Amino acid sequence: MDDTEVPQAAIGDVPVEFDEAVVLLDVREDDEWQRGHAPGAQHIPMGDVPARLAEIDTQAQLFVVCHVGGRSQRVAQYLARNGYDPINVTGGMLAWAGAGRPVVTDRGDAGTV
């Protein structure tokens, strides 16, 4: 069991917009991402994170999200052990959508979680 401590953020403490300085890393699978994701999020499926670490900015404020918060917690622990300072999004994309935040598809249409 990994007991690496990772900060948790309630959805109200997570920014709504993302840029070079603030990253929302979505670690859900491709089919979940395609159904709907937060605008501006970066997508790297959980299993691909170790091979794609170089794509994640070490300087950015990093929020990690999945569907409800379990996979993102594991990824955040992995990232924390590898020099990152991640914050796990409590409740995941369910909480994001439940808070009335935008969910889009790659085409920019309204998405679902």
N, C-alpha and C. Protein backbone atom coordinates (compact mmCIF):
# COMPACT_ATOMS: atom_id res chain seq x y z
N MET A 1 0.85 -1.19 0.00
CA MET A 1 0.00 0.00 0.00
C MET A 1 0.89 1.24 0.00
N ASP A 2 0.59 2.17 -0.90
CA ASP A 2 1.36 3.40 -1.00
C ASP A 2 0.80 4.41 -0.02
N ASP A 3 1.63 4.89 0.89
CA ASP A 3 1.16 5.85 1.87
C ASP A 3 1.77 7.24 1.65
N THR A 4 2.24 7.48 0.42
CA THR A 4 2.75 8.80 0.09
C THR A 4 1.64 9.82 0.29
N GLU A 5 1.92 10.85 1.10
CA GLU A 5 0.91 11.86 1.38
C GLU A 5 0.80 12.81 0.18
N VAL A 6 -0.43 13.03 -0.27
CA VAL A 6 -0.68 13.94 -1.38
C VAL A 6 -1.79 14.89 -0.94
N PRO A 7 -1.62 16.20 -1.16
CA PRO A 7 -2.69 17.13 -0.81
C PRO A 7 -3.96 16.83 -1.61
N GLN A 8 -5.10 17.09 -1.00
CA GLN A 8 -6.39 16.89 -1.64
C GLN A 8 -7.04 18.25 -1.85
N ALA A 9 -7.74 18.41 -2.96
CA ALA A 9 -8.46 19.65 -3.22
C ALA A 9 -9.92 19.34 -3.47
N ALA A 10 -10.80 19.99 -2.70
CA ALA A 10 -12.23 19.93 -2.99
C ALA A 10 -12.46 20.68 -4.30
N ILE A 11 -13.51 20.32 -5.01
CA ILE A 11 -13.74 20.89 -6.34
C ILE A 11 -13.80 22.42 -6.30
N GLY A 12 -14.30 22.99 -5.21
CA GLY A 12 -14.36 24.44 -5.11
C GLY A 12 -13.01 25.11 -5.04
N ASP A 13 -11.97 24.33 -4.73
CA ASP A 13 -10.62 24.88 -4.63
C ASP A 13 -9.80 24.63 -5.90
N VAL A 14 -10.43 24.04 -6.91
CA VAL A 14 -9.75 23.75 -8.17
C VAL A 14 -10.10 24.85 -9.16
N PRO A 15 -9.09 25.42 -9.84
CA PRO A 15 -9.39 26.46 -10.83
C PRO A 15 -10.32 25.92 -11.93
N VAL A 16 -10.95 26.85 -12.64
CA VAL A 16 -11.84 26.47 -13.74
C VAL A 16 -11.10 26.54 -15.06
N GLU A 17 -10.07 27.39 -15.14
CA GLU A 17 -9.32 27.54 -16.39
C GLU A 17 -7.87 27.13 -16.16
N PHE A 18 -7.27 26.59 -17.21
CA PHE A 18 -5.92 26.04 -17.11
C PHE A 18 -5.03 26.60 -18.20
N ASP A 19 -3.73 26.73 -17.89
CA ASP A 19 -2.76 27.28 -18.83
C ASP A 19 -1.40 26.67 -18.50
N GLU A 20 -0.33 27.35 -18.90
CA GLU A 20 1.00 26.80 -18.64
C GLU A 20 1.30 26.72 -17.15
N ALA A 21 0.70 27.61 -16.37
CA ALA A 21 1.03 27.68 -14.94
C ALA A 21 0.18 26.76 -14.07
N VAL A 22 -0.99 26.41 -14.57
CA VAL A 22 -1.91 25.57 -13.81
C VAL A 22 -2.41 24.46 -14.74
N VAL A 23 -2.12 23.21 -14.36
CA VAL A 23 -2.45 22.06 -15.21
C VAL A 23 -3.45 21.16 -14.49
N LEU A 24 -4.49 20.75 -15.23
CA LEU A 24 -5.39 19.70 -14.77
C LEU A 24 -5.06 18.45 -15.57
N LEU A 25 -4.44 17.47 -14.92
CA LEU A 25 -4.04 16.23 -15.58
C LEU A 25 -5.14 15.20 -15.41
N ASP A 26 -5.79 14.85 -16.51
CA ASP A 26 -6.88 13.87 -16.50
C ASP A 26 -6.27 12.51 -16.82
N VAL A 27 -6.35 11.56 -15.88
CA VAL A 27 -5.70 10.26 -16.05
C VAL A 27 -6.70 9.15 -16.38
N ARG A 28 -7.92 9.54 -16.78
CA ARG A 28 -8.92 8.53 -17.16
C ARG A 28 -8.55 7.90 -18.49
N GLU A 29 -9.24 6.81 -18.82
CA GLU A 29 -8.98 6.10 -20.08
C GLU A 29 -9.50 6.91 -21.27
N ASP A 30 -9.03 6.53 -22.47
CA ASP A 30 -9.40 7.27 -23.68
C ASP A 30 -10.91 7.38 -23.87
N ASP A 31 -11.65 6.29 -23.62
CA ASP A 31 -13.10 6.33 -23.85
C ASP A 31 -13.77 7.30 -22.89
N GLU A 32 -13.29 7.38 -21.65
CA GLU A 32 -13.85 8.32 -20.68
C GLU A 32 -13.56 9.76 -21.10
N TRP A 33 -12.33 10.00 -21.53
CA TRP A 33 -11.92 11.34 -22.00
C TRP A 33 -12.80 11.77 -23.17
N GLN A 34 -13.02 10.85 -24.12
CA GLN A 34 -13.77 11.20 -25.32
C GLN A 34 -15.23 11.53 -25.02
N ARG A 35 -15.80 10.91 -23.98
CA ARG A 35 -17.17 11.23 -23.60
C ARG A 35 -17.28 12.64 -23.06
N GLY A 36 -16.23 13.08 -22.37
CA GLY A 36 -16.26 14.44 -21.85
C GLY A 36 -15.16 14.71 -20.84
N HIS A 37 -14.61 15.92 -20.91
CA HIS A 37 -13.52 16.32 -20.02
C HIS A 37 -13.59 17.81 -19.75
N ALA A 38 -12.79 18.26 -18.79
CA ALA A 38 -12.72 19.68 -18.48
C ALA A 38 -12.00 20.41 -19.61
N PRO A 39 -12.53 21.55 -20.03
CA PRO A 39 -11.84 22.32 -21.08
C PRO A 39 -10.43 22.68 -20.63
N GLY A 40 -9.46 22.47 -21.51
CA GLY A 40 -8.08 22.83 -21.21
C GLY A 40 -7.30 21.80 -20.42
N ALA A 41 -7.94 20.69 -20.06
CA ALA A 41 -7.23 19.65 -19.31
C ALA A 41 -6.20 18.95 -20.21
N GLN A 42 -5.18 18.39 -19.57
CA GLN A 42 -4.18 17.57 -20.26
C GLN A 42 -4.55 16.12 -20.01
N HIS A 43 -4.53 15.29 -21.07
CA HIS A 43 -4.95 13.90 -20.93
C HIS A 43 -3.77 12.95 -21.09
N ILE A 44 -3.48 12.20 -20.04
CA ILE A 44 -2.53 11.08 -20.11
C ILE A 44 -3.15 9.95 -19.30
N PRO A 45 -3.62 8.88 -19.95
CA PRO A 45 -4.22 7.77 -19.20
C PRO A 45 -3.26 7.24 -18.13
N MET A 46 -3.84 6.79 -17.03
CA MET A 46 -3.06 6.35 -15.87
C MET A 46 -1.90 5.43 -16.26
N GLY A 47 -2.16 4.44 -17.07
CA GLY A 47 -1.13 3.47 -17.44
C GLY A 47 -0.01 4.04 -18.27
N ASP A 48 -0.25 5.22 -18.90
CA ASP A 48 0.76 5.84 -19.76
C ASP A 48 1.62 6.85 -19.03
N VAL A 49 1.23 7.22 -17.80
CA VAL A 49 1.94 8.29 -17.08
C VAL A 49 3.44 8.01 -16.93
N PRO A 50 3.87 6.80 -16.50
CA PRO A 50 5.33 6.60 -16.34
C PRO A 50 6.11 6.86 -17.62
N ALA A 51 5.59 6.44 -18.77
CA ALA A 51 6.29 6.61 -20.03
C ALA A 51 6.22 8.04 -20.55
N ARG A 52 5.25 8.82 -20.04
CA ARG A 52 5.02 10.16 -20.58
C ARG A 52 5.28 11.26 -19.55
N LEU A 53 6.06 10.94 -18.52
CA LEU A 53 6.35 11.92 -17.46
C LEU A 53 6.89 13.24 -18.01
N ALA A 54 7.71 13.16 -19.06
CA ALA A 54 8.35 14.36 -19.61
C ALA A 54 7.32 15.36 -20.14
N GLU A 55 6.09 14.89 -20.42
CA GLU A 55 5.05 15.79 -20.93
C GLU A 55 4.41 16.62 -19.83
N ILE A 56 4.67 16.27 -18.57
CA ILE A 56 4.03 16.96 -17.45
C ILE A 56 5.00 18.01 -16.91
N ASP A 57 4.56 19.26 -16.89
CA ASP A 57 5.40 20.38 -16.48
C ASP A 57 5.67 20.32 -14.98
N THR A 58 6.95 20.25 -14.61
CA THR A 58 7.30 20.19 -13.19
C THR A 58 7.09 21.53 -12.50
N GLN A 59 7.02 22.63 -13.26
CA GLN A 59 6.88 23.96 -12.67
C GLN A 59 5.43 24.37 -12.47
N ALA A 60 4.51 23.71 -13.16
CA ALA A 60 3.10 24.10 -13.09
C ALA A 60 2.47 23.65 -11.77
N GLN A 61 1.43 24.37 -11.35
CA GLN A 61 0.59 23.88 -10.27
C GLN A 61 -0.21 22.73 -10.88
N LEU A 62 -0.11 21.55 -10.29
CA LEU A 62 -0.61 20.34 -10.93
C LEU A 62 -1.76 19.72 -10.15
N PHE A 63 -2.93 19.70 -10.77
CA PHE A 63 -4.10 19.01 -10.22
C PHE A 63 -4.29 17.73 -11.01
N VAL A 64 -4.56 16.62 -10.32
CA VAL A 64 -4.74 15.33 -10.99
C VAL A 64 -6.18 14.89 -10.76
N VAL A 65 -6.85 14.48 -11.86
CA VAL A 65 -8.27 14.11 -11.77
C VAL A 65 -8.53 12.80 -12.51
N CYS A 66 -9.49 12.02 -12.00
CA CYS A 66 -10.00 10.85 -12.70
C CYS A 66 -11.52 10.90 -12.60
N HIS A 67 -12.17 9.75 -12.52
CA HIS A 67 -13.63 9.75 -12.48
C HIS A 67 -14.14 10.15 -11.09
N VAL A 68 -13.65 9.47 -10.04
CA VAL A 68 -14.10 9.80 -8.68
C VAL A 68 -12.96 10.11 -7.71
N GLY A 69 -11.71 9.90 -8.11
CA GLY A 69 -10.59 10.29 -7.25
C GLY A 69 -9.64 9.18 -6.85
N GLY A 70 -9.95 7.93 -7.17
CA GLY A 70 -9.09 6.81 -6.77
C GLY A 70 -7.85 6.67 -7.63
N ARG A 71 -8.04 6.62 -8.95
CA ARG A 71 -6.89 6.48 -9.85
C ARG A 71 -6.01 7.72 -9.77
N SER A 72 -6.64 8.90 -9.70
CA SER A 72 -5.83 10.12 -9.64
C SER A 72 -5.00 10.17 -8.36
N GLN A 73 -5.53 9.62 -7.28
CA GLN A 73 -4.77 9.55 -6.02
C GLN A 73 -3.51 8.70 -6.23
N ARG A 74 -3.65 7.56 -6.88
CA ARG A 74 -2.49 6.69 -7.13
C ARG A 74 -1.48 7.37 -8.05
N VAL A 75 -1.97 8.04 -9.10
CA VAL A 75 -1.07 8.75 -10.01
C VAL A 75 -0.39 9.90 -9.27
N ALA A 76 -1.13 10.63 -8.44
CA ALA A 76 -0.55 11.74 -7.69
C ALA A 76 0.56 11.23 -6.77
N GLN A 77 0.34 10.08 -6.13
CA GLN A 77 1.38 9.50 -5.27
C GLN A 77 2.62 9.16 -6.09
N TYR A 78 2.42 8.59 -7.27
CA TYR A 78 3.54 8.27 -8.16
C TYR A 78 4.29 9.54 -8.55
N LEU A 79 3.53 10.57 -8.94
CA LEU A 79 4.16 11.83 -9.34
C LEU A 79 4.92 12.46 -8.17
N ALA A 80 4.36 12.37 -6.97
CA ALA A 80 5.01 12.94 -5.80
C ALA A 80 6.35 12.26 -5.54
N ARG A 81 6.43 10.96 -5.81
CA ARG A 81 7.68 10.23 -5.63
C ARG A 81 8.69 10.54 -6.74
N ASN A 82 8.23 11.20 -7.80
CA ASN A 82 9.09 11.48 -8.95
C ASN A 82 9.32 12.97 -9.17
N GLY A 83 9.29 13.73 -8.08
CA GLY A 83 9.70 15.12 -8.16
C GLY A 83 8.61 16.13 -8.45
N TYR A 84 7.37 15.69 -8.50
CA TYR A 84 6.26 16.61 -8.74
C TYR A 84 5.60 16.97 -7.41
N ASP A 85 4.74 17.99 -7.47
CA ASP A 85 4.03 18.44 -6.28
C ASP A 85 2.52 18.45 -6.61
N PRO A 86 1.94 17.26 -6.82
CA PRO A 86 0.56 17.18 -7.32
C PRO A 86 -0.48 17.37 -6.22
N ILE A 87 -1.67 17.73 -6.66
CA ILE A 87 -2.83 17.85 -5.78
C ILE A 87 -3.92 16.97 -6.37
N ASN A 88 -4.45 16.05 -5.56
CA ASN A 88 -5.52 15.17 -6.04
C ASN A 88 -6.86 15.89 -5.94
N VAL A 89 -7.68 15.77 -7.00
CA VAL A 89 -9.00 16.38 -7.01
C VAL A 89 -10.00 15.41 -6.38
N THR A 90 -10.45 15.74 -5.18
CA THR A 90 -11.41 14.90 -4.46
C THR A 90 -12.73 14.84 -5.22
N GLY A 91 -13.22 13.62 -5.46
CA GLY A 91 -14.50 13.47 -6.16
C GLY A 91 -14.39 13.43 -7.66
N GLY A 92 -13.20 13.75 -8.19
CA GLY A 92 -12.94 13.61 -9.61
C GLY A 92 -13.88 14.38 -10.52
N MET A 93 -14.02 13.85 -11.74
CA MET A 93 -14.85 14.51 -12.74
C MET A 93 -16.33 14.47 -12.36
N LEU A 94 -16.73 13.51 -11.52
CA LEU A 94 -18.11 13.51 -11.05
C LEU A 94 -18.38 14.78 -10.24
N ALA A 95 -17.42 15.15 -9.37
CA ALA A 95 -17.57 16.37 -8.58
C ALA A 95 -17.50 17.60 -9.48
N TRP A 96 -16.60 17.55 -10.48
CA TRP A 96 -16.47 18.68 -11.43
C TRP A 96 -17.81 18.94 -12.11
N ALA A 97 -18.39 17.89 -12.69
CA ALA A 97 -19.67 18.04 -13.39
C ALA A 97 -20.79 18.39 -12.42
N GLY A 98 -20.74 17.77 -11.22
CA GLY A 98 -21.76 18.02 -10.21
C GLY A 98 -21.78 19.45 -9.72
N ALA A 99 -20.62 20.12 -9.84
CA ALA A 99 -20.53 21.53 -9.44
C ALA A 99 -20.98 22.45 -10.56
N GLY A 100 -21.43 21.87 -11.66
CA GLY A 100 -21.91 22.67 -12.77
C GLY A 100 -20.81 23.22 -13.67
N ARG A 101 -19.61 22.64 -13.54
CA ARG A 101 -18.49 23.10 -14.36
C ARG A 101 -18.58 22.50 -15.76
N PRO A 102 -17.98 23.18 -16.74
CA PRO A 102 -18.12 22.71 -18.13
C PRO A 102 -17.44 21.37 -18.39
N VAL A 103 -18.09 20.56 -19.20
CA VAL A 103 -17.56 19.28 -19.67
C VAL A 103 -17.72 19.29 -21.18
N VAL A 104 -16.62 19.09 -21.90
CA VAL A 104 -16.65 19.16 -23.36
C VAL A 104 -16.05 17.91 -23.99
N THR A 105 -16.35 17.72 -25.27
CA THR A 105 -15.70 16.68 -26.06
C THR A 105 -14.53 17.32 -26.81
N ASP A 106 -13.74 16.50 -27.50
CA ASP A 106 -12.63 17.03 -28.29
C ASP A 106 -13.13 17.98 -29.37
N ARG A 107 -14.37 17.81 -29.83
CA ARG A 107 -14.94 18.68 -30.86
C ARG A 107 -15.47 19.99 -30.27
N GLY A 108 -15.47 20.07 -28.93
CA GLY A 108 -15.97 21.28 -28.30
C GLY A 108 -17.45 21.24 -27.97
N ASP A 109 -18.10 20.11 -28.26
CA ASP A 109 -19.50 19.94 -27.92
C ASP A 109 -19.62 19.66 -26.42
N ALA A 110 -20.85 19.77 -25.91
CA ALA A 110 -21.09 19.42 -24.51
C ALA A 110 -20.81 17.93 -24.34
N GLY A 111 -20.10 17.60 -23.27
CA GLY A 111 -19.76 16.21 -23.01
C GLY A 111 -20.47 15.68 -21.77
N THR A 112 -20.21 14.42 -21.47
CA THR A 112 -20.77 13.79 -20.26
C THR A 112 -19.64 13.15 -19.49
N VAL A 113 -19.90 12.90 -18.21
CA VAL A 113 -18.90 12.26 -17.34
C VAL A 113 -19.34 10.84 -17.06
